[in-house]
């Protein structure tokens, strides 16, 4: 157990931030998986901007590297364009 007030506050802040980070990362993974399994092109085209936005937000928060976000966006865009 921490003894300093600042340590106790830091533990609280870290726990809150960890929960937020897990939420954002998990929801993004779920949306990416949903987009990859979508077979309907019109639905995928509606979903793509949402996925891109979520990936950009993760990259902005440094939860994922900005190049990983770019690679995911590119591969998902190619996937959507190949749908019939």
N, C-alpha and C. Protein backbone atom coordinates (compact mmCIF):
# COMPACT_ATOMS: atom_id res chain seq x y z
N UNK A 1 0.83 -1.18 0.00
CA UNK A 1 0.00 0.00 0.00
C UNK A 1 0.88 1.24 0.00
N UNK A 2 0.49 2.19 -0.79
CA UNK A 2 1.25 3.44 -0.88
C UNK A 2 1.05 4.27 0.38
N UNK A 3 2.08 5.03 0.73
CA UNK A 3 2.02 5.82 1.95
C UNK A 3 1.90 7.32 1.67
N UNK A 4 2.28 7.75 0.50
CA UNK A 4 2.25 9.17 0.17
C UNK A 4 0.96 9.52 -0.55
N UNK A 5 0.50 10.75 -0.31
CA UNK A 5 -0.73 11.18 -0.96
C UNK A 5 -0.58 11.16 -2.48
N UNK A 6 0.59 11.57 -2.95
CA UNK A 6 0.80 11.61 -4.40
C UNK A 6 0.81 10.20 -5.00
N UNK A 7 1.33 9.24 -4.25
CA UNK A 7 1.33 7.85 -4.72
C UNK A 7 -0.08 7.29 -4.80
N UNK A 8 -0.88 7.61 -3.81
CA UNK A 8 -2.27 7.15 -3.78
C UNK A 8 -3.04 7.74 -4.96
N UNK A 9 -2.81 9.03 -5.20
CA UNK A 9 -3.47 9.69 -6.34
C UNK A 9 -3.01 9.08 -7.65
N UNK A 10 -1.72 8.81 -7.77
CA UNK A 10 -1.17 8.24 -9.00
C UNK A 10 -1.78 6.86 -9.26
N UNK A 11 -1.97 6.06 -8.23
CA UNK A 11 -2.60 4.75 -8.37
C UNK A 11 -4.02 4.89 -8.87
N UNK A 12 -4.77 5.87 -8.30
CA UNK A 12 -6.13 6.13 -8.76
C UNK A 12 -6.15 6.54 -10.23
N UNK A 13 -5.27 7.46 -10.60
CA UNK A 13 -5.23 7.96 -11.98
C UNK A 13 -4.87 6.84 -12.95
N UNK A 14 -3.91 6.02 -12.57
CA UNK A 14 -3.45 4.94 -13.44
C UNK A 14 -4.57 3.93 -13.68
N UNK A 15 -5.29 3.60 -12.63
CA UNK A 15 -6.39 2.63 -12.77
C UNK A 15 -7.47 3.18 -13.69
N UNK A 16 -7.81 4.45 -13.53
CA UNK A 16 -8.83 5.07 -14.36
C UNK A 16 -8.38 5.10 -15.82
N UNK A 17 -7.13 5.48 -16.05
CA UNK A 17 -6.60 5.58 -17.40
C UNK A 17 -6.52 4.20 -18.05
N UNK A 18 -6.14 3.19 -17.28
CA UNK A 18 -6.05 1.83 -17.80
C UNK A 18 -7.42 1.34 -18.27
N UNK A 19 -8.45 1.62 -17.49
CA UNK A 19 -9.81 1.22 -17.88
C UNK A 19 -10.24 1.92 -19.16
N UNK A 20 -9.94 3.22 -19.26
CA UNK A 20 -10.29 3.96 -20.47
C UNK A 20 -9.55 3.41 -21.69
N UNK A 21 -8.26 3.17 -21.52
CA UNK A 21 -7.45 2.66 -22.63
C UNK A 21 -7.93 1.29 -23.09
N UNK A 22 -8.27 0.44 -22.14
CA UNK A 22 -8.77 -0.89 -22.49
C UNK A 22 -10.09 -0.79 -23.25
N UNK A 23 -10.95 0.12 -22.83
CA UNK A 23 -12.24 0.31 -23.50
C UNK A 23 -12.04 0.75 -24.94
N UNK A 24 -11.22 1.79 -25.15
CA UNK A 24 -11.01 2.30 -26.50
C UNK A 24 -10.36 1.25 -27.40
N UNK A 25 -9.37 0.53 -26.88
CA UNK A 25 -8.68 -0.47 -27.69
C UNK A 25 -9.62 -1.62 -28.04
N UNK A 26 -10.41 -2.07 -27.08
CA UNK A 26 -11.30 -3.20 -27.31
C UNK A 26 -12.41 -2.85 -28.29
N UNK A 27 -13.01 -1.67 -28.15
CA UNK A 27 -14.08 -1.29 -29.07
C UNK A 27 -13.52 -1.14 -30.49
N UNK A 28 -12.31 -0.64 -30.61
CA UNK A 28 -11.70 -0.50 -31.93
C UNK A 28 -11.45 -1.88 -32.54
N UNK A 29 -10.93 -2.79 -31.75
CA UNK A 29 -10.70 -4.16 -32.26
C UNK A 29 -11.99 -4.80 -32.70
N UNK A 30 -13.07 -4.59 -31.94
CA UNK A 30 -14.36 -5.16 -32.29
C UNK A 30 -14.88 -4.60 -33.61
N UNK A 31 -14.73 -3.29 -33.82
CA UNK A 31 -15.22 -2.67 -35.04
C UNK A 31 -14.39 -3.12 -36.24
N UNK A 32 -13.08 -3.26 -36.04
CA UNK A 32 -12.22 -3.75 -37.13
C UNK A 32 -12.62 -5.17 -37.51
N UNK A 33 -12.85 -6.01 -36.51
CA UNK A 33 -13.26 -7.39 -36.79
C UNK A 33 -14.61 -7.43 -37.49
N UNK A 34 -15.52 -6.56 -37.08
CA UNK A 34 -16.84 -6.51 -37.71
C UNK A 34 -16.70 -6.10 -39.17
N UNK A 35 -15.83 -5.14 -39.45
CA UNK A 35 -15.61 -4.69 -40.83
C UNK A 35 -15.00 -5.81 -41.67
N UNK A 36 -14.07 -6.53 -41.10
CA UNK A 36 -13.41 -7.61 -41.86
C UNK A 36 -14.36 -8.75 -42.18
N UNK A 37 -15.34 -8.99 -41.32
CA UNK A 37 -16.27 -10.09 -41.56
C UNK A 37 -17.48 -9.68 -42.39
N UNK A 38 -17.62 -8.38 -42.64
CA UNK A 38 -18.76 -7.90 -43.41
C UNK A 38 -18.59 -8.28 -44.88
N UNK A 39 -19.64 -8.85 -45.45
CA UNK A 39 -19.60 -9.25 -46.86
C UNK A 39 -20.34 -8.27 -47.75
N UNK A 40 -21.15 -7.41 -47.17
CA UNK A 40 -21.93 -6.45 -47.93
C UNK A 40 -21.12 -5.17 -48.14
N UNK A 41 -20.92 -4.79 -49.40
CA UNK A 41 -20.08 -3.65 -49.71
C UNK A 41 -20.66 -2.34 -49.19
N UNK A 42 -21.95 -2.13 -49.33
CA UNK A 42 -22.54 -0.87 -48.88
C UNK A 42 -22.42 -0.70 -47.37
N UNK A 43 -22.61 -1.79 -46.64
CA UNK A 43 -22.48 -1.73 -45.19
C UNK A 43 -21.02 -1.47 -44.79
N UNK A 44 -20.11 -2.11 -45.51
CA UNK A 44 -18.69 -1.93 -45.22
C UNK A 44 -18.25 -0.49 -45.51
N UNK A 45 -18.79 0.10 -46.57
CA UNK A 45 -18.44 1.49 -46.88
C UNK A 45 -18.97 2.46 -45.82
N UNK A 46 -20.10 2.13 -45.20
CA UNK A 46 -20.61 2.96 -44.11
C UNK A 46 -19.75 2.81 -42.85
N UNK A 47 -19.24 1.60 -42.65
CA UNK A 47 -18.49 1.29 -41.44
C UNK A 47 -17.05 1.80 -41.51
N UNK A 48 -16.49 1.89 -42.71
CA UNK A 48 -15.08 2.25 -42.86
C UNK A 48 -14.73 3.60 -42.23
N UNK A 49 -15.48 4.68 -42.44
CA UNK A 49 -15.11 5.95 -41.81
C UNK A 49 -15.09 5.89 -40.28
N UNK A 50 -15.99 5.11 -39.69
CA UNK A 50 -16.00 4.96 -38.24
C UNK A 50 -14.73 4.26 -37.76
N UNK A 51 -14.33 3.22 -38.49
CA UNK A 51 -13.13 2.47 -38.13
C UNK A 51 -11.89 3.36 -38.26
N UNK A 52 -11.83 4.11 -39.34
CA UNK A 52 -10.69 5.01 -39.56
C UNK A 52 -10.60 6.04 -38.44
N UNK A 53 -11.74 6.56 -38.05
CA UNK A 53 -11.77 7.54 -36.96
C UNK A 53 -11.26 6.94 -35.66
N UNK A 54 -11.71 5.74 -35.35
CA UNK A 54 -11.27 5.09 -34.11
C UNK A 54 -9.77 4.79 -34.14
N UNK A 55 -9.25 4.34 -35.29
CA UNK A 55 -7.82 4.07 -35.39
C UNK A 55 -7.01 5.36 -35.25
N UNK A 56 -7.50 6.44 -35.84
CA UNK A 56 -6.80 7.72 -35.71
C UNK A 56 -6.77 8.18 -34.26
N UNK A 57 -7.85 7.97 -33.54
CA UNK A 57 -7.89 8.37 -32.13
C UNK A 57 -6.91 7.55 -31.31
N UNK A 58 -6.82 6.24 -31.59
CA UNK A 58 -5.84 5.41 -30.86
C UNK A 58 -4.42 5.86 -31.16
N UNK A 59 -4.16 6.21 -32.41
CA UNK A 59 -2.82 6.67 -32.78
C UNK A 59 -2.52 8.02 -32.13
N UNK A 60 -3.52 8.88 -32.06
CA UNK A 60 -3.34 10.20 -31.44
C UNK A 60 -3.01 10.06 -29.96
N UNK A 61 -3.61 9.08 -29.31
CA UNK A 61 -3.37 8.84 -27.89
C UNK A 61 -2.12 8.00 -27.65
N UNK A 62 -1.43 7.61 -28.70
CA UNK A 62 -0.23 6.78 -28.63
C UNK A 62 -0.52 5.41 -28.03
N UNK A 63 -1.73 4.91 -28.22
CA UNK A 63 -2.03 3.55 -27.80
C UNK A 63 -1.55 2.56 -28.83
N UNK A 64 -1.58 2.95 -30.09
CA UNK A 64 -0.96 2.17 -31.15
C UNK A 64 -0.08 3.12 -31.94
N UNK A 65 0.92 2.58 -32.59
CA UNK A 65 1.83 3.40 -33.38
C UNK A 65 1.09 3.96 -34.58
N UNK A 66 1.44 5.16 -34.98
CA UNK A 66 0.72 5.80 -36.09
C UNK A 66 0.90 5.05 -37.39
N UNK A 67 2.03 4.34 -37.54
CA UNK A 67 2.23 3.57 -38.77
C UNK A 67 1.37 2.31 -38.76
N UNK A 68 1.17 1.72 -37.59
CA UNK A 68 0.27 0.57 -37.50
C UNK A 68 -1.15 0.99 -37.86
N UNK A 69 -1.56 2.16 -37.38
CA UNK A 69 -2.89 2.68 -37.72
C UNK A 69 -2.99 2.88 -39.23
N UNK A 70 -1.95 3.43 -39.83
CA UNK A 70 -1.96 3.66 -41.28
C UNK A 70 -2.03 2.34 -42.04
N UNK A 71 -1.30 1.35 -41.58
CA UNK A 71 -1.31 0.04 -42.24
C UNK A 71 -2.69 -0.62 -42.12
N UNK A 72 -3.30 -0.52 -40.95
CA UNK A 72 -4.63 -1.09 -40.77
C UNK A 72 -5.65 -0.38 -41.65
N UNK A 73 -5.60 0.95 -41.69
CA UNK A 73 -6.54 1.71 -42.51
C UNK A 73 -6.39 1.33 -43.98
N UNK A 74 -5.15 1.20 -44.42
CA UNK A 74 -4.89 0.86 -45.82
C UNK A 74 -5.42 -0.53 -46.15
N UNK A 75 -5.12 -1.51 -45.30
CA UNK A 75 -5.56 -2.88 -45.57
C UNK A 75 -7.08 -2.99 -45.52
N UNK A 76 -7.71 -2.24 -44.63
CA UNK A 76 -9.17 -2.29 -44.55
C UNK A 76 -9.80 -1.61 -45.76
N UNK A 77 -9.19 -0.53 -46.23
CA UNK A 77 -9.70 0.14 -47.43
C UNK A 77 -9.61 -0.77 -48.64
N UNK A 78 -8.51 -1.51 -48.74
CA UNK A 78 -8.35 -2.47 -49.84
C UNK A 78 -9.41 -3.57 -49.71
N UNK A 79 -9.63 -4.04 -48.50
CA UNK A 79 -10.63 -5.09 -48.27
C UNK A 79 -12.01 -4.61 -48.71
N UNK A 80 -12.37 -3.38 -48.36
CA UNK A 80 -13.69 -2.85 -48.72
C UNK A 80 -13.80 -2.67 -50.22
N UNK A 81 -12.74 -2.23 -50.86
CA UNK A 81 -12.79 -2.00 -52.31
C UNK A 81 -12.91 -3.31 -53.08
N UNK A 82 -12.43 -4.41 -52.51
CA UNK A 82 -12.51 -5.70 -53.21
C UNK A 82 -13.85 -6.40 -53.02
N UNK A 83 -14.67 -5.90 -52.11
CA UNK A 83 -15.97 -6.52 -51.91
C UNK A 83 -16.87 -6.30 -53.12
N UNK A 84 -17.81 -7.22 -53.30
CA UNK A 84 -18.73 -7.10 -54.43
C UNK A 84 -20.11 -6.77 -53.97
